[in-house]
PDB file of N, CA and C in Angstrom:
ATOM      1  N   LEU A   1       2.530  53.213 147.035  1.00  0.00           N
ATOM      2  CA  LEU A   1       1.807  52.387 148.075  1.00  0.00           C
ATOM      3  C   LEU A   1       2.571  52.105 149.189  1.00  0.00           C
ATOM      4  N   LEU A   2       4.022  52.144 149.120  1.00  0.00           N
ATOM      5  CA  LEU A   2       4.865  51.509 150.237  1.00  0.00           C
ATOM      6  C   LEU A   2       4.991  52.855 151.075  1.00  0.00           C
ATOM      7  N   LEU A   3       4.854  53.957 150.760  1.00  0.00           N
ATOM      8  CA  LEU A   3       5.121  55.039 151.748  1.00  0.00           C
ATOM      9  C   LEU A   3       4.036  55.132 152.534  1.00  0.00           C
ATOM     10  N   ILE A   4       2.688  54.828 152.306  1.00  0.00           N
ATOM     11  CA  ILE A   4       1.591  54.788 152.917  1.00  0.00           C
ATOM     12  C   ILE A   4       1.326  53.684 153.670  1.00  0.00           C
ATOM     13  N   ASP A   5       2.178  52.506 153.401  1.00  0.00           N
ATOM     14  CA  ASP A   5       1.893  51.340 154.457  1.00  0.00           C
ATOM     15  C   ASP A   5       2.387  51.612 155.528  1.00  0.00           C
ATOM     16  N   PRO A   6       1.564  51.328 156.859  1.00  0.00           N
ATOM     17  CA  PRO A   6       2.268  51.756 158.052  1.00  0.00           C
ATOM     18  C   PRO A   6       3.424  50.579 158.551  1.00  0.00           C
ATOM     19  N   SER A   7       3.590  49.562 157.782  1.00  0.00           N
ATOM     20  CA  SER A   7       4.712  48.659 158.150  1.00  0.00           C
ATOM     21  C   SER A   7       5.861  48.748 157.211  1.00  0.00           C
ATOM     22  N   SER A   8       5.753  49.925 156.401  1.00  0.00           N
ATOM     23  CA  SER A   8       7.043  50.530 155.728  1.00  0.00           C
ATOM     24  C   SER A   8       8.035  51.203 156.717  1.00  0.00           C
ATOM     25  N   ILE A   9       9.276  51.262 156.414  1.00  0.00           N
ATOM     26  CA  ILE A   9      10.208  52.092 156.949  1.00  0.00           C
ATOM     27  C   ILE A   9      11.046  52.923 155.896  1.00  0.00           C
ATOM     28  N   PRO A  10      10.343  54.212 155.697  1.00  0.00           N
ATOM     29  CA  PRO A  10      10.945  55.215 154.914  1.00  0.00           C
ATOM     30  C   PRO A  10      12.270  55.952 155.618  1.00  0.00           C
ATOM     31  N   LEU A  11      13.127  56.082 154.894  1.00  0.00           N
ATOM     32  CA  LEU A  11      14.475  56.847 155.323  1.00  0.00           C
ATOM     33  C   LEU A  11      14.804  58.006 154.235  1.00  0.00           C
ATOM     34  N   LYS A  12      15.360  59.002 154.270  1.00  0.00           N
ATOM     35  CA  LYS A  12      15.733  59.710 153.625  1.00  0.00           C
ATOM     36  C   LYS A  12      17.321  60.490 153.953  1.00  0.00           C
ATOM     37  N   ALA A  13      17.920  60.926 153.210  1.00  0.00           N
ATOM     38  CA  ALA A  13      19.101  61.423 153.303  1.00  0.00           C
ATOM     39  C   ALA A  13      19.238  62.971 153.082  1.00  0.00           C
ATOM     40  N   VAL A  14      19.588  63.713 153.715  1.00  0.00           N
ATOM     41  CA  VAL A  14      19.363  65.334 153.430  1.00  0.00           C
ATOM     42  C   VAL A  14      20.656  65.805 153.706  1.00  0.00           C
ATOM     43  N   THR A  15      21.036  66.807 152.952  1.00  0.00           N
ATOM     44  CA  THR A  15      22.224  67.863 153.209  1.00  0.00           C
ATOM     45  C   THR A  15      21.863  68.923 154.401  1.00  0.00           C
ATOM     46  N   GLY A  16      23.007  69.424 154.877  1.00  0.00           N
ATOM     47  CA  GLY A  16      22.748  70.179 155.924  1.00  0.00           C
ATOM     48  C   GLY A  16      21.539  71.478 155.469  1.00  0.00           C
ATOM     49  N   GLU A  17      21.483  71.699 154.470  1.00  0.00           N
ATOM     50  CA  GLU A  17      20.561  72.720 154.097  1.00  0.00           C
ATOM     51  C   GLU A  17      18.957  72.122 153.797  1.00  0.00           C
ATOM     52  N   GLY A  18      18.865  70.817 154.287  1.00  0.00           N
ATOM     53  CA  GLY A  18      17.694  70.260 154.137  1.00  0.00           C
ATOM     54  C   GLY A  18      17.243  69.582 153.052  1.00  0.00           C
ATOM     55  N   GLU A  19      18.282  69.685 151.913  1.00  0.00           N
ATOM     56  CA  GLU A  19      18.118  68.944 150.582  1.00  0.00           C
ATOM     57  C   GLU A  19      17.909  67.457 150.579  1.00  0.00           C
ATOM     58  N   ILE A  20      16.832  66.656 149.986  1.00  0.00           N
ATOM     59  CA  ILE A  20      16.918  65.503 149.906  1.00  0.00           C
ATOM     60  C   ILE A  20      17.820  64.974 148.762  1.00  0.00           C
ATOM     61  N   VAL A  21      18.794  64.042 149.236  1.00  0.00           N
ATOM     62  CA  VAL A  21      19.662  63.633 148.366  1.00  0.00           C
ATOM     63  C   VAL A  21      19.513  61.948 148.137  1.00  0.00           C
ATOM     64  N   GLY A  22      18.829  61.404 148.983  1.00  0.00           N
ATOM     65  CA  GLY A  22      18.691  59.995 148.651  1.00  0.00           C
ATOM     66  C   GLY A  22      17.464  59.778 149.632  1.00  0.00           C
ATOM     67  N   SER A  23      16.991  58.250 149.333  1.00  0.00           N
ATOM     68  CA  SER A  23      15.913  57.845 150.308  1.00  0.00           C
ATOM     69  C   SER A  23      16.007  56.188 150.049  1.00  0.00           C
ATOM     70  N   ALA A  24      15.558  55.719 151.120  1.00  0.00           N
ATOM     71  CA  ALA A  24      15.491  53.985 151.171  1.00  0.00           C
ATOM     72  C   ALA A  24      14.129  53.870 151.540  1.00  0.00           C
ATOM     73  N   ILE A  25      13.442  52.555 151.068  1.00  0.00           N
ATOM     74  CA  ILE A  25      12.294  52.115 151.592  1.00  0.00           C
ATOM     75  C   ILE A  25      12.432  50.660 152.152  1.00  0.00           C
ATOM     76  N   GLY A  26      12.072  50.156 153.233  1.00  0.00           N
ATOM     77  CA  GLY A  26      12.199  48.792 153.597  1.00  0.00           C
ATOM     78  C   GLY A  26      10.694  48.477 154.477  1.00  0.00           C
ATOM     79  N   ARG A  27      10.665  47.106 154.412  1.00  0.00           N
ATOM     80  CA  ARG A  27       9.544  46.625 155.238  1.00  0.00           C
ATOM     81  C   ARG A  27       9.880  45.185 155.830  1.00  0.00           C
ATOM     82  N   VAL A  28       9.292  45.077 156.932  1.00  0.00           N
ATOM     83  CA  VAL A  28       9.448  43.799 157.447  1.00  0.00           C
ATOM     84  C   VAL A  28       8.505  42.977 157.077  1.00  0.00           C
ATOM     85  N   GLU A  29       9.083  41.586 156.763  1.00  0.00           N
ATOM     86  CA  GLU A  29       8.243  40.338 156.281  1.00  0.00           C
ATOM     87  C   GLU A  29       8.500  39.256 156.740  1.00  0.00           C
ATOM     88  N   LYS A  30       7.594  38.229 156.665  1.00  0.00           N
ATOM     89  CA  LYS A  30       7.646  36.834 157.160  1.00  0.00           C
ATOM     90  C   LYS A  30       7.900  35.992 155.980  1.00  0.00           C
ATOM     91  N   ILE A  31       8.952  35.298 155.823  1.00  0.00           N
ATOM     92  CA  ILE A  31       9.271  34.575 154.658  1.00  0.00           C
ATOM     93  C   ILE A  31       9.652  33.160 155.017  1.00  0.00           C
ATOM     94  N   GLY A  32       9.146  32.318 154.757  1.00  0.00           N
ATOM     95  CA  GLY A  32       9.593  30.823 155.284  1.00  0.00           C
ATOM     96  C   GLY A  32       9.692  30.687 156.719  1.00  0.00           C
ATOM     97  N   GLY A  33       8.930  31.494 157.612  1.00  0.00           N
ATOM     98  CA  GLY A  33       8.942  31.342 158.969  1.00  0.00           C
ATOM     99  C   GLY A  33       9.972  32.111 159.702  1.00  0.00           C
ATOM    100  N   ARG A  34      10.833  33.091 158.751  1.00  0.00           N
ATOM    101  CA  ARG A  34      11.739  33.968 159.169  1.00  0.00           C
ATOM    102  C   ARG A  34      11.366  35.322 159.064  1.00  0.00           C
ATOM    103  N   VAL A  35      11.748  36.115 160.121  1.00  0.00           N
ATOM    104  CA  VAL A  35      11.413  37.493 160.004  1.00  0.00           C
ATOM    105  C   VAL A  35      12.658  38.192 159.167  1.00  0.00           C
ATOM    106  N   VAL A  36      12.289  38.770 158.244  1.00  0.00           N
ATOM    107  CA  VAL A  36      13.239  39.472 157.197  1.00  0.00           C
ATOM    108  C   VAL A  36      12.885  40.849 156.961  1.00  0.00           C
ATOM    109  N   GLY A  37      14.013  41.700 156.705  1.00  0.00           N
ATOM    110  CA  GLY A  37      13.690  43.170 156.230  1.00  0.00           C
ATOM    111  C   GLY A  37      13.897  43.122 154.987  1.00  0.00           C
ATOM    112  N   HIS A  38      13.152  43.610 153.949  1.00  0.00           N
ATOM    113  CA  HIS A  38      13.194  43.744 152.624  1.00  0.00           C
ATOM    114  C   HIS A  38      13.156  45.041 152.114  1.00  0.00           C
ATOM    115  N   VAL A  39      14.392  45.221 151.514  1.00  0.00           N
ATOM    116  CA  VAL A  39      14.769  46.580 150.984  1.00  0.00           C
ATOM    117  C   VAL A  39      14.146  46.680 149.490  1.00  0.00           C
ATOM    118  N   TYR A  40      12.989  47.815 149.591  1.00  0.00           N
ATOM    119  CA  TYR A  40      12.398  47.706 148.302  1.00  0.00           C
ATOM    120  C   TYR A  40      12.911  48.781 147.151  1.00  0.00           C
ATOM    121  N   THR A  41      13.445  49.715 147.997  1.00  0.00           N
ATOM    122  CA  THR A  41      14.258  50.557 147.252  1.00  0.00           C
ATOM    123  C   THR A  41      15.050  51.338 147.880  1.00  0.00           C
ATOM    124  N   LEU A  42      16.209  51.855 147.043  1.00  0.00           N
ATOM    125  CA  LEU A  42      17.395  52.694 147.413  1.00  0.00           C
ATOM    126  C   LEU A  42      17.802  53.610 146.427  1.00  0.00           C
ATOM    127  N   ASP A  43      17.695  54.865 146.423  1.00  0.00           N
ATOM    128  CA  ASP A  43      17.958  55.469 145.396  1.00  0.00           C
ATOM    129  C   ASP A  43      18.708  56.921 146.025  1.00  0.00           C
ATOM    130  N   VAL A  44      19.825  57.262 145.292  1.00  0.00           N
ATOM    131  CA  VAL A  44      20.600  58.453 145.484  1.00  0.00           C
ATOM    132  C   VAL A  44      20.634  59.351 144.260  1.00  0.00           C
ATOM    133  N   ARG A  45      20.357  60.509 144.422  1.00  0.00           N
ATOM    134  CA  ARG A  45      20.588  61.660 143.313  1.00  0.00           C
ATOM    135  C   ARG A  45      21.792  61.305 142.876  1.00  0.00           C
ATOM    136  N   PRO A  46      22.166  61.474 141.419  1.00  0.00           N
ATOM    137  CA  PRO A  46      23.146  61.155 140.613  1.00  0.00           C
ATOM    138  C   PRO A  46      24.232  61.978 141.155  1.00  0.00           C
ATOM    139  N   ASP A  47      24.090  63.176 141.316  1.00  0.00           N
ATOM    140  CA  ASP A  47      25.222  64.109 141.803  1.00  0.00           C
ATOM    141  C   ASP A  47      25.554  63.935 143.274  1.00  0.00           C
ATOM    142  N   PHE A  48      25.047  63.057 143.873  1.00  0.00           N
ATOM    143  CA  PHE A  48      25.560  62.544 145.117  1.00  0.00           C
ATOM    144  C   PHE A  48      25.928  61.004 145.112  1.00  0.00           C
ATOM    145  N   ARG A  49      26.085  60.305 144.255  1.00  0.00           N
ATOM    146  CA  ARG A  49      26.241  58.926 144.154  1.00  0.00           C
ATOM    147  C   ARG A  49      28.051  59.071 144.281  1.00  0.00           C
ATOM    148  N   ARG A  50      28.516  57.798 144.866  1.00  0.00           N
ATOM    149  CA  ARG A  50      29.872  57.475 145.136  1.00  0.00           C
ATOM    150  C   ARG A  50      30.345  58.466 146.160  1.00  0.00           C
ATOM    151  N   ARG A  51      29.543  58.789 147.185  1.00  0.00           N
ATOM    152  CA  ARG A  51      29.949  59.630 148.394  1.00  0.00           C
ATOM    153  C   ARG A  51      29.592  59.082 149.654  1.00  0.00           C
ATOM    154  N   GLY A  52      29.000  57.659 149.674  1.00  0.00           N
ATOM    155  CA  GLY A  52      28.804  57.143 150.861  1.00  0.00           C
ATOM    156  C   GLY A  52      27.196  57.297 151.203  1.00  0.00           C
ATOM    157  N   VAL A  53      26.495  57.886 150.592  1.00  0.00           N
ATOM    158  CA  VAL A  53      24.916  58.116 150.797  1.00  0.00           C
ATOM    159  C   VAL A  53      24.289  57.009 150.772  1.00  0.00           C
ATOM    160  N   GLY A  54      24.314  56.123 149.637  1.00  0.00           N
ATOM    161  CA  GLY A  54      23.706  54.918 149.342  1.00  0.00           C
ATOM    162  C   GLY A  54      24.081  53.941 150.671  1.00  0.00           C
ATOM    163  N   ALA A  55      25.423  53.802 150.770  1.00  0.00           N
ATOM    164  CA  ALA A  55      25.842  52.885 152.083  1.00  0.00           C
ATOM    165  C   ALA A  55      25.119  53.352 153.294  1.00  0.00           C
ATOM    166  N   ALA A  56      25.186  54.516 153.575  1.00  0.00           N
ATOM    167  CA  ALA A  56      24.743  55.164 154.989  1.00  0.00           C
ATOM    168  C   ALA A  56      23.269  54.857 155.152  1.00  0.00           C
ATOM    169  N   LEU A  57      22.394  55.038 154.071  1.00  0.00           N
ATOM    170  CA  LEU A  57      20.942  54.544 154.005  1.00  0.00           C
ATOM    171  C   LEU A  57      20.803  53.207 154.286  1.00  0.00           C
ATOM    172  N   LEU A  58      21.543  52.369 153.505  1.00  0.00           N
ATOM    173  CA  LEU A  58      21.210  50.932 153.712  1.00  0.00           C
ATOM    174  C   LEU A  58      21.623  50.389 154.944  1.00  0.00           C
ATOM    175  N   LYS A  59      22.896  50.948 155.643  1.00  0.00           N
ATOM    176  CA  LYS A  59      23.296  50.604 157.012  1.00  0.00           C
ATOM    177  C   LYS A  59      22.181  51.098 157.996  1.00  0.00           C
ATOM    178  N   SER A  60      21.453  52.209 157.708  1.00  0.00           N
ATOM    179  CA  SER A  60      20.561  52.743 158.793  1.00  0.00           C
ATOM    180  C   SER A  60      19.287  51.851 158.537  1.00  0.00           C
ATOM    181  N   LEU A  61      18.970  51.382 157.392  1.00  0.00           N
ATOM    182  CA  LEU A  61      17.771  50.407 157.304  1.00  0.00           C
ATOM    183  C   LEU A  61      18.018  49.133 157.835  1.00  0.00           C
ATOM    184  N   GLU A  62      19.339  48.621 157.796  1.00  0.00           N
ATOM    185  CA  GLU A  62      19.590  47.343 158.402  1.00  0.00           C
ATOM    186  C   GLU A  62      19.488  47.418 159.937  1.00  0.00           C
ATOM    187  N   ASN A  63      19.721  48.666 160.444  1.00  0.00           N
ATOM    188  CA  ASN A  63      19.762  48.854 161.910  1.00  0.00           C
ATOM    189  C   ASN A  63      18.093  48.727 162.254  1.00  0.00           C
ATOM    190  N   GLU A  64      17.252  49.513 161.456  1.00  0.00           N
ATOM    191  CA  GLU A  64      16.105  49.478 161.992  1.00  0.00           C
ATOM    192  C   GLU A  64      15.315  48.142 161.784  1.00  0.00           C
ATOM    193  N   PHE A  65      15.760  47.248 160.795  1.00  0.00           N
ATOM    194  CA  PHE A  65      15.517  45.766 160.880  1.00  0.00           C
ATOM    195  C   PHE A  65      15.943  45.195 161.980  1.00  0.00           C
ATOM    196  N   ARG A  66      17.040  45.254 162.453  1.00  0.00           N
ATOM    197  CA  ARG A  66      17.801  44.781 163.275  1.00  0.00           C
ATOM    198  C   ARG A  66      16.649  44.945 164.710  1.00  0.00           C
ATOM    199  N   LYS A  67      16.409  46.340 164.979  1.00  0.00           N
ATOM    200  CA  LYS A  67      15.614  46.696 166.176  1.00  0.00           C
ATOM    201  C   LYS A  67      14.162  45.918 165.997  1.00  0.00           C
ATOM    202  N   LEU A  68      13.858  45.775 164.918  1.00  0.00           N
ATOM    203  CA  LEU A  68      12.440  45.068 164.864  1.00  0.00           C
ATOM    204  C   LEU A  68      12.373  43.530 164.751  1.00  0.00           C
ATOM    205  N   GLY A  69      13.650  43.006 165.002  1.00  0.00           N
ATOM    206  CA  GLY A  69      13.837  41.407 165.248  1.00  0.00           C
ATOM    207  C   GLY A  69      14.020  40.567 163.795  1.00  0.00           C
ATOM    208  N   CYS A  70      14.542  41.257 162.844  1.00  0.00           N
ATOM    209  CA  CYS A  70      14.805  40.799 161.407  1.00  0.00           C
ATOM    210  C   CYS A  70      16.144  39.914 161.776  1.00  0.00           C
ATOM    211  N   GLU A  71      16.003  38.833 161.211  1.00  0.00           N
ATOM    212  CA  GLU A  71      16.964  38.130 161.135  1.00  0.00           C
ATOM    213  C   GLU A  71      18.238  38.058 159.828  1.00  0.00           C
ATOM    214  N   ARG A  72      17.465  38.548 158.838  1.00  0.00           N
ATOM    215  CA  ARG A  72      18.143  38.716 157.599  1.00  0.00           C
ATOM    216  C   ARG A  72      17.359  39.922 156.933  1.00  0.00           C
ATOM    217  N   ALA A  73      18.257  40.439 155.846  1.00  0.00           N
ATOM    218  CA  ALA A  73      17.837  41.456 154.972  1.00  0.00           C
ATOM    219  C   ALA A  73      18.170  40.824 153.644  1.00  0.00           C
ATOM    220  N   ILE A  74      17.064  41.157 152.506  1.00  0.00           N
ATOM    221  CA  ILE A  74      17.013  40.619 151.296  1.00  0.00           C
ATOM    222  C   ILE A  74      16.658  42.003 150.364  1.00  0.00           C
ATOM    223  N   LEU A  75      17.095  41.904 149.420  1.00  0.00           N
ATOM    224  CA  LEU A  75      16.921  42.987 148.124  1.00  0.00           C
ATOM    225  C   LEU A  75      17.107  42.509 146.836  1.00  0.00           C
ATOM    226  N   GLU A  76      16.347  43.019 145.778  1.00  0.00           N
ATOM    227  CA  GLU A  76      16.589  42.564 144.513  1.00  0.00           C
ATOM    228  C   GLU A  76      17.377  43.874 143.601  1.00  0.00           C
ATOM    229  N   VAL A  77      17.998  43.393 142.715  1.00  0.00           N
ATOM    230  CA  VAL A  77      18.735  44.634 142.112  1.00  0.00           C
ATOM    231  C   VAL A  77      19.012  44.080 140.521  1.00  0.00           C
ATOM    232  N   ALA A  78      18.907  44.972 139.668  1.00  0.00           N
ATOM    233  CA  ALA A  78      19.056  44.666 138.130  1.00  0.00           C
ATOM    234  C   ALA A  78      20.216  43.970 137.827  1.00  0.00           C
ATOM    235  N   VAL A  79      20.445  42.934 136.991  1.00  0.00           N
ATOM    236  CA  VAL A  79      21.662  42.263 136.950  1.00  0.00           C
ATOM    237  C   VAL A  79      22.545  43.091 136.105  1.00  0.00           C
ATOM    238  N   ASP A  80      22.428  44.120 135.530  1.00  0.00           N
ATOM    239  CA  ASP A  80      23.185  45.140 134.773  1.00  0.00           C
ATOM    240  C   ASP A  80      23.723  46.269 135.578  1.00  0.00           C
ATOM    241  N   ASN A  81      23.145  46.491 136.709  1.00  0.00           N
ATOM    242  CA  ASN A  81      23.305  47.524 137.711  1.00  0.00           C
ATOM    243  C   ASN A  81      24.433  47.476 138.539  1.00  0.00           C
ATOM    244  N   GLU A  82      25.833  47.340 137.670  1.00  0.00           N
ATOM    245  CA  GLU A  82      27.056  47.261 138.408  1.00  0.00           C
ATOM    246  C   GLU A  82      27.478  47.889 139.600  1.00  0.00           C
ATOM    247  N   PRO A  83      26.971  49.437 139.624  1.00  0.00           N
ATOM    248  CA  PRO A  83      27.191  50.136 140.858  1.00  0.00           C
ATOM    249  C   PRO A  83      26.535  49.601 141.992  1.00  0.00           C
ATOM    250  N   ALA A  84      25.435  49.224 141.960  1.00  0.00           N
ATOM    251  CA  ALA A  84      24.660  48.771 143.109  1.00  0.00           C
ATOM    252  C   ALA A  84      24.999  47.469 143.728  1.00  0.00           C
ATOM    253  N   ILE A  85      25.384  46.630 142.605  1.00  0.00           N
ATOM    254  CA  ILE A  85      25.801  45.400 142.873  1.00  0.00           C
ATOM    255  C   ILE A  85      27.349  45.583 143.444  1.00  0.00           C
ATOM    256  N   ARG A  86      28.102  46.172 143.291  1.00  0.00           N
ATOM    257  CA  ARG A  86      29.675  46.487 143.979  1.00  0.00           C
ATOM    258  C   ARG A  86      29.046  46.965 145.589  1.00  0.00           C
ATOM    259  N   LEU A  87      28.379  47.919 145.538  1.00  0.00           N
ATOM    260  CA  LEU A  87      28.037  48.379 147.007  1.00  0.00           C
ATOM    261  C   LEU A  87      27.128  47.254 147.807  1.00  0.00           C
ATOM    262  N   TYR A  88      26.182  46.490 147.299  1.00  0.00           N
ATOM    263  CA  TYR A  88      25.802  45.408 148.171  1.00  0.00           C
ATOM    264  C   TYR A  88      26.847  44.537 148.321  1.00  0.00           C
ATOM    265  N   LYS A  89      27.591  44.093 147.651  1.00  0.00           N
ATOM    266  CA  LYS A  89      28.790  43.226 148.028  1.00  0.00           C
ATOM    267  C   LYS A  89      29.633  43.672 148.891  1.00  0.00           C
ATOM    268  N   SER A  90      29.925  45.146 148.791  1.00  0.00           N
ATOM    269  CA  SER A  90      30.855  45.566 150.073  1.00  0.00           C
ATOM    270  C   SER A  90      30.273  45.649 151.131  1.00  0.00           C
ATOM    271  N   LEU A  91      29.073  45.791 151.224  1.00  0.00           N
ATOM    272  CA  LEU A  91      28.342  45.732 152.606  1.00  0.00           C
ATOM    273  C   LEU A  91      27.869  44.205 153.164  1.00  0.00           C
ATOM    274  N   GLY A  92      28.305  43.116 152.378  1.00  0.00           N
ATOM    275  CA  GLY A  92      28.143  41.800 153.037  1.00  0.00           C
ATOM    276  C   GLY A  92      27.153  41.160 152.494  1.00  0.00           C
ATOM    277  N   TYR A  93      26.390  41.605 151.308  1.00  0.00           N
ATOM    278  CA  TYR A  93      25.250  40.785 150.793  1.00  0.00           C
ATOM    279  C   TYR A  93      25.770  39.747 149.644  1.00  0.00           C
ATOM    280  N   THR A  94      25.327  38.688 149.836  1.00  0.00           N
ATOM    281  CA  THR A  94      25.446  37.632 148.878  1.00  0.00           C
ATOM    282  C   THR A  94      24.373  37.428 148.004  1.00  0.00           C
ATOM    283  N   PHE A  95      24.757  36.920 146.754  1.00  0.00           N
ATOM    284  CA  PHE A  95      23.679  37.005 145.366  1.00  0.00           C
ATOM    285  C   PHE A  95      23.095  35.361 145.546  1.00  0.00           C
ATOM    286  N   ALA A  96      22.050  35.232 145.777  1.00  0.00           N
ATOM    287  CA  ALA A  96      21.385  33.823 146.024  1.00  0.00           C
ATOM    288  C   ALA A  96      20.889  33.284 144.850  1.00  0.00           C
ATOM    289  N   SER A  97      20.189  34.132 143.816  1.00  0.00           N
ATOM    290  CA  SER A  97      19.324  33.584 142.631  1.00  0.00           C
ATOM    291  C   SER A  97      19.241  34.807 141.686  1.00  0.00           C
ATOM    292  N   ARG A  98      19.012  34.227 140.445  1.00  0.00           N
ATOM    293  CA  ARG A  98      18.468  35.278 139.447  1.00  0.00           C
ATOM    294  C   ARG A  98      17.115  35.066 139.204  1.00  0.00           C
ATOM    295  N   LEU A  99      16.479  36.110 139.102  1.00  0.00           N
ATOM    296  CA  LEU A  99      14.952  36.214 138.741  1.00  0.00           C
ATOM    297  C   LEU A  99      14.645  36.671 137.543  1.00  0.00           C
ATOM    298  N   LYS A 100      14.229  35.760 136.751  1.00  0.00           N
ATOM    299  CA  LYS A 100      14.051  36.101 135.276  1.00  0.00           C
ATOM    300  C   LYS A 100      12.855  37.083 135.000  1.00  0.00           C
ATOM    301  N   ASP A 101      13.095  37.892 134.161  1.00  0.00           N
ATOM    302  CA  ASP A 101      12.175  39.065 133.779  1.00  0.00           C
ATOM    303  C   ASP A 101      11.526  39.665 135.146  1.00  0.00           C
ATOM    304  N   TYR A 102      12.056  39.747 136.119  1.00  0.00           N
ATOM    305  CA  TYR A 102      11.849  40.441 137.405  1.00  0.00           C
ATOM    306  C   TYR A 102      11.179  41.946 136.951  1.00  0.00           C
ATOM    307  N   TYR A 103      11.940  42.708 136.576  1.00  0.00           N
ATOM    308  CA  TYR A 103      11.849  43.946 135.979  1.00  0.00           C
ATOM    309  C   TYR A 103      10.884  44.144 134.717  1.00  0.00           C
ATOM    310  N   GLY A 104      10.245  42.980 134.237  1.00  0.00           N
ATOM    311  CA  GLY A 104       9.607  43.055 132.967  1.00  0.00           C
ATOM    312  C   GLY A 104      10.495  42.150 132.001  1.00  0.00           C
ATOM    313  N   ARG A 105      10.015  42.047 130.923  1.00  0.00           N
ATOM    314  CA  ARG A 105      10.324  41.136 129.891  1.00  0.00           C
ATOM    315  C   ARG A 105      12.082  41.460 129.604  1.00  0.00           C
ATOM    316  N   GLY A 106      12.870  40.283 129.641  1.00  0.00           N
ATOM    317  CA  GLY A 106      14.102  40.614 129.404  1.00  0.00           C
ATOM    318  C   GLY A 106      15.105  41.403 130.483  1.00  0.00           C
ATOM    319  N   ARG A 107      14.408  41.756 131.647  1.00  0.00           N
ATOM    320  CA  ARG A 107      15.410  42.420 132.637  1.00  0.00           C
ATOM    321  C   ARG A 107      15.118  41.558 133.873  1.00  0.00           C
ATOM    322  N   ASP A 108      16.139  40.980 134.022  1.00  0.00           N
ATOM    323  CA  ASP A 108      16.255  39.938 135.077  1.00  0.00           C
ATOM    324  C   ASP A 108      16.790  40.775 136.381  1.00  0.00           C
ATOM    325  N   ALA A 109      16.885  40.134 137.475  1.00  0.00           N
ATOM    326  CA  ALA A 109      17.312  40.634 138.675  1.00  0.00           C
ATOM    327  C   ALA A 109      17.876  39.774 139.429  1.00  0.00           C
ATOM    328  N   TYR A 110      18.962  40.109 140.521  1.00  0.00           N
ATOM    329  CA  TYR A 110      19.582  39.242 141.307  1.00  0.00           C
ATOM    330  C   TYR A 110      18.748  39.444 142.663  1.00  0.00           C
ATOM    331  N   ARG A 111      18.561  38.319 143.684  1.00  0.00           N
ATOM    332  CA  ARG A 111      18.184  38.223 144.883  1.00  0.00           C
ATOM    333  C   ARG A 111      19.392  38.333 145.904  1.00  0.00           C
ATOM    334  N   ALA A 112      19.506  39.209 146.490  1.00  0.00           N
ATOM    335  CA  ALA A 112      20.878  39.389 147.356  1.00  0.00           C
ATOM    336  C   ALA A 112      20.225  39.242 148.905  1.00  0.00           C
ATOM    337  N   GLU A 113      21.119  38.672 149.808  1.00  0.00           N
ATOM    338  CA  GLU A 113      20.703  38.508 150.891  1.00  0.00           C
ATOM    339  C   GLU A 113      21.750  38.654 151.998  1.00  0.00           C
ATOM    340  N   LYS A 114      21.753  39.184 153.157  1.00  0.00           N
ATOM    341  CA  LYS A 114      22.683  39.217 154.256  1.00  0.00           C
ATOM    342  C   LYS A 114      21.944  38.748 155.460  1.00  0.00           C
ATOM    343  N   ASP A 115      22.785  38.108 156.309  1.00  0.00           N
ATOM    344  CA  ASP A 115      22.465  37.731 157.749  1.00  0.00           C
ATOM    345  C   ASP A 115      22.528  39.296 158.395  1.00  0.00           C
ATOM    346  N   LEU A 116      21.658  39.481 159.475  1.00  0.00           N
ATOM    347  CA  LEU A 116      21.808  40.434 160.410  1.00  0.00           C
ATOM    348  C   LEU A 116      22.242  40.145 161.442  1.00  0.00           C
TER     349      LEU A 116
END
């Protein structure tokens, strides 16, 4: 549903041959009177991880959020997804809260935030 939502911002990373190796989807939302960019998904093909693809996608999404007047970016990440947590920390995200059962029973998430 996010891909067909006109307020969504879909991005993809492709090789020189046009092969899709990663994607990201974000959306601009109003939360507590503030305009924020919500990162809904960031996916990189396993054989292209740790090559900067995820960082490039996230930076591009943040740039789109800035253009649309967002003051902050937010995202959720599974508490056991250490590679993603390291990536987000390296890009300046802080971990604001833990969301119990966010991904289903027994699967918590962190909410991460970054001022843009």
